[in-house]
Amino acid sequence: MKDVQGSKNFHKKETTRSITYRLPEKSVRELEMEAENRGISQNVLIKQIVDQYLHWGRFASKISMVPVPAKILAKLGSNMDGSNMDGSNINEIIDTIKPVIKESVMYMRGSYDLKRCIETLEDYMRASGMVSDHRIQGGIHNFIVQHGLGIKWSLFTEQLLKEIFHEFLPQQSIKFQTTDNTVITTIALGSDWSEHDY
């Protein structure tokens, strides 16, 4: 989830360094075409590729992540039972994957806390092609996830985020706005809270 305060990104400016790498001519041409198609500079594209690899790609095979097409996830989601009063099927799935999330966060980030957990989930969503955003208004944080997989996945996402926040902040009030393809989680964390600051 990209951090946005009002309309400004509040990440600290990173120190940069110029380097030179040799790449096959064919790879350079493909990178040039991809950057042009996206309407971004080659430098921005290369940074995105490197960031995705460093934050997610290098860990994916080590934590046994398998890419699954969105259509398959949507079909699997249609079989989740979140419509009953206790949402037992979704809760069973979450109970199964929460330890996996914890182990993955510990391996990738070296520790397990709310900031590292949220940052890891953001990296996963980015690598999976989901749209996410983190907006701050005063001390109120809105975590927005657009997955495009249907209402069952929205209910699943809502419940998973509720469990994660309650694990670390059991007394904190959380509000959700949920549609077929979007979940907005609203929680007061303070104006200085950032999942990238640990």
Protein backbone atom coordinates (compact mmCIF):
# COMPACT_ATOMS: atom_id res chain seq x y z
CA MET A 1 0.00 0.00 0.00
CA LYS A 2 1.50 3.26 -1.09
CA ASP A 3 1.76 5.82 1.69
CA VAL A 4 -0.09 9.02 0.95
CA GLN A 5 -0.63 11.91 3.35
CA GLY A 6 -3.22 14.11 1.72
CA SER A 7 -1.85 13.91 -1.80
CA LYS A 8 1.84 13.78 -0.85
CA ASN A 9 3.98 10.69 -0.57
CA PHE A 10 5.81 11.05 2.74
CA HIS A 11 8.66 8.56 2.27
CA LYS A 12 12.01 9.99 3.21
CA LYS A 13 14.12 10.80 0.17
CA GLU A 14 16.52 7.96 -0.51
CA THR A 15 20.19 8.44 -1.23
CA THR A 16 20.95 7.22 -4.75
CA ARG A 17 24.10 6.08 -6.52
CA SER A 18 24.86 5.75 -10.24
CA ILE A 19 26.07 2.35 -11.45
CA THR A 20 26.61 0.64 -14.81
CA TYR A 21 25.63 -2.92 -15.75
CA ARG A 22 26.07 -4.84 -18.98
CA LEU A 23 22.93 -6.47 -20.38
CA PRO A 24 22.25 -8.39 -23.59
CA GLU A 25 21.15 -6.10 -26.43
CA LYS A 26 17.81 -7.93 -26.70
CA SER A 27 17.07 -7.31 -23.00
CA VAL A 28 17.90 -3.61 -23.38
CA ARG A 29 15.53 -3.29 -26.36
CA GLU A 30 12.72 -5.01 -24.43
CA LEU A 31 13.28 -2.74 -21.42
CA GLU A 32 13.20 0.32 -23.69
CA MET A 33 9.92 -0.83 -25.28
CA GLU A 34 8.36 -1.66 -21.89
CA ALA A 35 9.30 1.73 -20.45
CA GLU A 36 7.86 3.47 -23.51
CA ASN A 37 4.64 1.43 -23.31
CA ARG A 38 4.22 2.36 -19.65
CA GLY A 39 5.07 6.01 -20.27
CA ILE A 40 7.92 6.00 -17.77
CA SER A 41 11.68 6.40 -18.00
CA GLN A 42 13.94 3.38 -18.26
CA ASN A 43 15.48 4.40 -14.94
CA VAL A 44 12.07 4.27 -13.22
CA LEU A 45 11.30 0.89 -14.81
CA ILE A 46 14.63 -0.61 -13.74
CA LYS A 47 14.09 0.71 -10.19
CA GLN A 48 10.62 -0.89 -10.10
CA ILE A 49 12.03 -4.22 -11.28
CA VAL A 50 14.87 -4.17 -8.75
CA ASP A 51 12.54 -3.08 -5.90
CA GLN A 52 10.07 -5.86 -6.70
CA TYR A 53 12.85 -8.43 -6.73
CA LEU A 54 14.46 -7.19 -3.50
CA HIS A 55 11.16 -6.82 -1.59
CA TRP A 56 9.42 -9.94 -2.89
CA GLY A 57 10.93 -11.91 -5.76
CA ARG A 58 14.05 -13.13 -4.00
CA PHE A 59 11.93 -14.56 -1.17
CA ALA A 60 9.04 -16.02 -3.17
CA SER A 61 10.55 -19.41 -3.98
CA LYS A 62 12.16 -19.69 -0.52
CA ILE A 63 8.76 -19.37 1.19
CA SER A 64 7.15 -21.65 -1.43
CA MET A 65 4.98 -18.98 -3.07
CA VAL A 66 3.32 -20.19 -6.26
CA PRO A 67 1.82 -17.69 -8.75
CA VAL A 68 -1.88 -18.38 -9.34
CA PRO A 69 -3.90 -16.73 -12.14
CA ALA A 70 -6.60 -14.32 -10.91
CA LYS A 71 -9.36 -16.35 -12.63
CA ILE A 72 -8.45 -19.42 -10.57
CA LEU A 73 -8.44 -17.37 -7.35
CA ALA A 74 -11.84 -15.90 -8.25
CA LYS A 75 -13.21 -19.43 -8.82
CA LEU A 76 -11.74 -20.70 -5.57
CA GLY A 77 -13.19 -17.67 -3.79
CA SER A 78 -16.68 -18.46 -5.05
CA ASN A 79 -16.48 -21.69 -3.02
CA MET A 80 -15.59 -19.90 0.22
CA ASP A 81 -18.52 -19.68 2.60
CA GLY A 82 -18.56 -16.24 4.14
CA SER A 83 -22.30 -15.79 3.90
CA ASN A 84 -23.19 -17.71 7.04
CA MET A 85 -23.41 -15.81 10.32
CA ASP A 86 -20.10 -16.95 11.75
CA GLY A 87 -18.14 -16.99 8.46
CA SER A 88 -16.68 -20.31 9.66
CA ASN A 89 -15.16 -21.37 6.33
CA ILE A 90 -13.30 -18.08 5.86
CA ASN A 91 -12.17 -18.19 9.50
CA GLU A 92 -10.81 -21.73 9.02
CA ILE A 93 -8.80 -20.59 6.00
CA ILE A 94 -7.46 -17.57 7.90
CA ASP A 95 -6.53 -19.78 10.88
CA THR A 96 -4.54 -21.93 8.44
CA ILE A 97 -2.70 -19.10 6.68
CA LYS A 98 -1.95 -16.82 9.67
CA PRO A 99 0.98 -18.97 10.84
CA VAL A 100 2.27 -19.00 7.25
CA ILE A 101 2.07 -15.20 7.13
CA LYS A 102 3.91 -14.97 10.46
CA GLU A 103 6.69 -17.32 9.32
CA SER A 104 7.02 -15.47 6.00
CA VAL A 105 7.23 -12.05 7.68
CA MET A 106 9.82 -13.31 10.16
CA TYR A 107 11.93 -14.79 7.36
CA MET A 108 11.65 -11.79 5.03
CA ARG A 109 11.88 -8.98 7.61
CA GLY A 110 13.79 -10.58 10.48
CA SER A 111 11.02 -9.99 13.03
CA TYR A 112 7.23 -10.04 13.37
CA ASP A 113 5.24 -6.93 14.28
CA LEU A 114 2.41 -4.89 12.77
CA LYS A 115 4.60 -2.68 10.59
CA ARG A 116 6.56 -5.57 9.08
CA CYS A 117 3.36 -7.58 8.57
CA ILE A 118 1.58 -4.74 6.74
CA GLU A 119 4.65 -4.00 4.62
CA THR A 120 4.97 -7.67 3.62
CA LEU A 121 1.28 -7.86 2.67
CA GLU A 122 1.74 -4.71 0.57
CA ASP A 123 4.69 -6.26 -1.24
CA TYR A 124 2.65 -9.41 -1.87
CA MET A 125 -0.25 -7.41 -3.31
CA ARG A 126 2.07 -5.35 -5.50
CA ALA A 127 3.76 -8.53 -6.81
CA SER A 128 0.32 -10.08 -7.44
CA GLY A 129 -0.90 -7.10 -9.45
CA MET A 130 -3.47 -5.95 -6.89
CA VAL A 131 -4.04 -2.25 -6.33
CA SER A 132 -3.42 -0.98 -2.81
CA ASP A 133 -3.00 2.39 -1.18
CA HIS A 134 -2.32 3.75 2.30
CA ARG A 135 -3.79 7.20 2.93
CA ILE A 136 -3.39 9.25 6.08
CA GLN A 137 -5.72 12.03 7.22
CA GLY A 138 -4.51 13.45 10.51
CA GLY A 139 -3.97 10.37 12.67
CA ILE A 140 -6.51 8.25 10.75
CA HIS A 141 -5.10 5.64 8.38
CA ASN A 142 -7.06 4.20 5.46
CA PHE A 143 -5.67 0.98 3.95
CA ILE A 144 -7.34 0.44 0.58
CA VAL A 145 -7.20 -2.88 -1.29
CA GLN A 146 -8.70 -3.45 -4.74
CA HIS A 147 -8.43 -7.10 -5.75
CA GLY A 148 -11.06 -7.62 -8.48
CA LEU A 149 -11.88 -11.14 -7.24
CA GLY A 150 -15.46 -10.78 -5.97
CA ILE A 151 -17.30 -10.38 -2.67
CA LYS A 152 -16.01 -13.58 -1.04
CA TRP A 153 -12.42 -12.36 -1.40
CA SER A 154 -13.50 -8.99 0.00
CA LEU A 155 -14.96 -10.72 3.07
CA PHE A 156 -11.79 -12.80 3.36
CA THR A 157 -9.57 -9.68 3.09
CA GLU A 158 -11.66 -7.82 5.66
CA GLN A 159 -11.48 -10.69 8.15
CA LEU A 160 -7.75 -11.23 7.61
CA LEU A 161 -6.94 -7.55 8.16
CA LYS A 162 -9.21 -7.47 11.22
CA GLU A 163 -7.33 -10.42 12.74
CA ILE A 164 -3.91 -8.93 11.97
CA PHE A 165 -4.72 -5.53 13.49
CA HIS A 166 -6.40 -7.10 16.54
CA GLU A 167 -3.39 -9.36 17.12
CA PHE A 168 -1.19 -6.31 17.68
CA LEU A 169 -3.78 -3.73 18.78
CA PRO A 170 -6.53 -5.74 20.53
CA GLN A 171 -8.35 -2.71 21.94
CA GLN A 172 -8.18 -0.57 18.81
CA SER A 173 -11.40 0.25 16.96
CA ILE A 174 -11.36 -0.65 13.26
CA LYS A 175 -13.92 0.27 10.60
CA PHE A 176 -14.38 -1.43 7.23
CA GLN A 177 -16.05 -0.40 4.00
CA THR A 178 -16.40 -3.45 1.78
CA THR A 179 -17.69 -3.91 -1.77
CA ASP A 180 -17.39 -6.75 -4.29
CA ASN A 181 -13.82 -5.78 -5.20
CA THR A 182 -12.61 -3.23 -2.65
CA VAL A 183 -11.89 -3.22 1.09
CA ILE A 184 -11.08 -0.04 3.00
CA THR A 185 -9.74 -0.49 6.52
CA THR A 186 -9.84 2.62 8.72
CA ILE A 187 -7.88 2.76 11.97
CA ALA A 188 -6.36 5.48 14.16
CA LEU A 189 -2.60 4.92 14.32
CA GLY A 190 -1.36 8.49 14.69
CA SER A 191 0.04 10.90 12.13
CA ASP A 192 3.63 9.63 12.39
CA TRP A 193 2.91 5.89 11.98
CA SER A 194 4.43 4.30 8.86
CA GLU A 195 4.83 0.61 8.06
CA HIS A 196 8.17 1.44 6.42
CA ASP A 197 9.62 3.00 9.56
CA TYR A 198 11.08 0.30 11.78
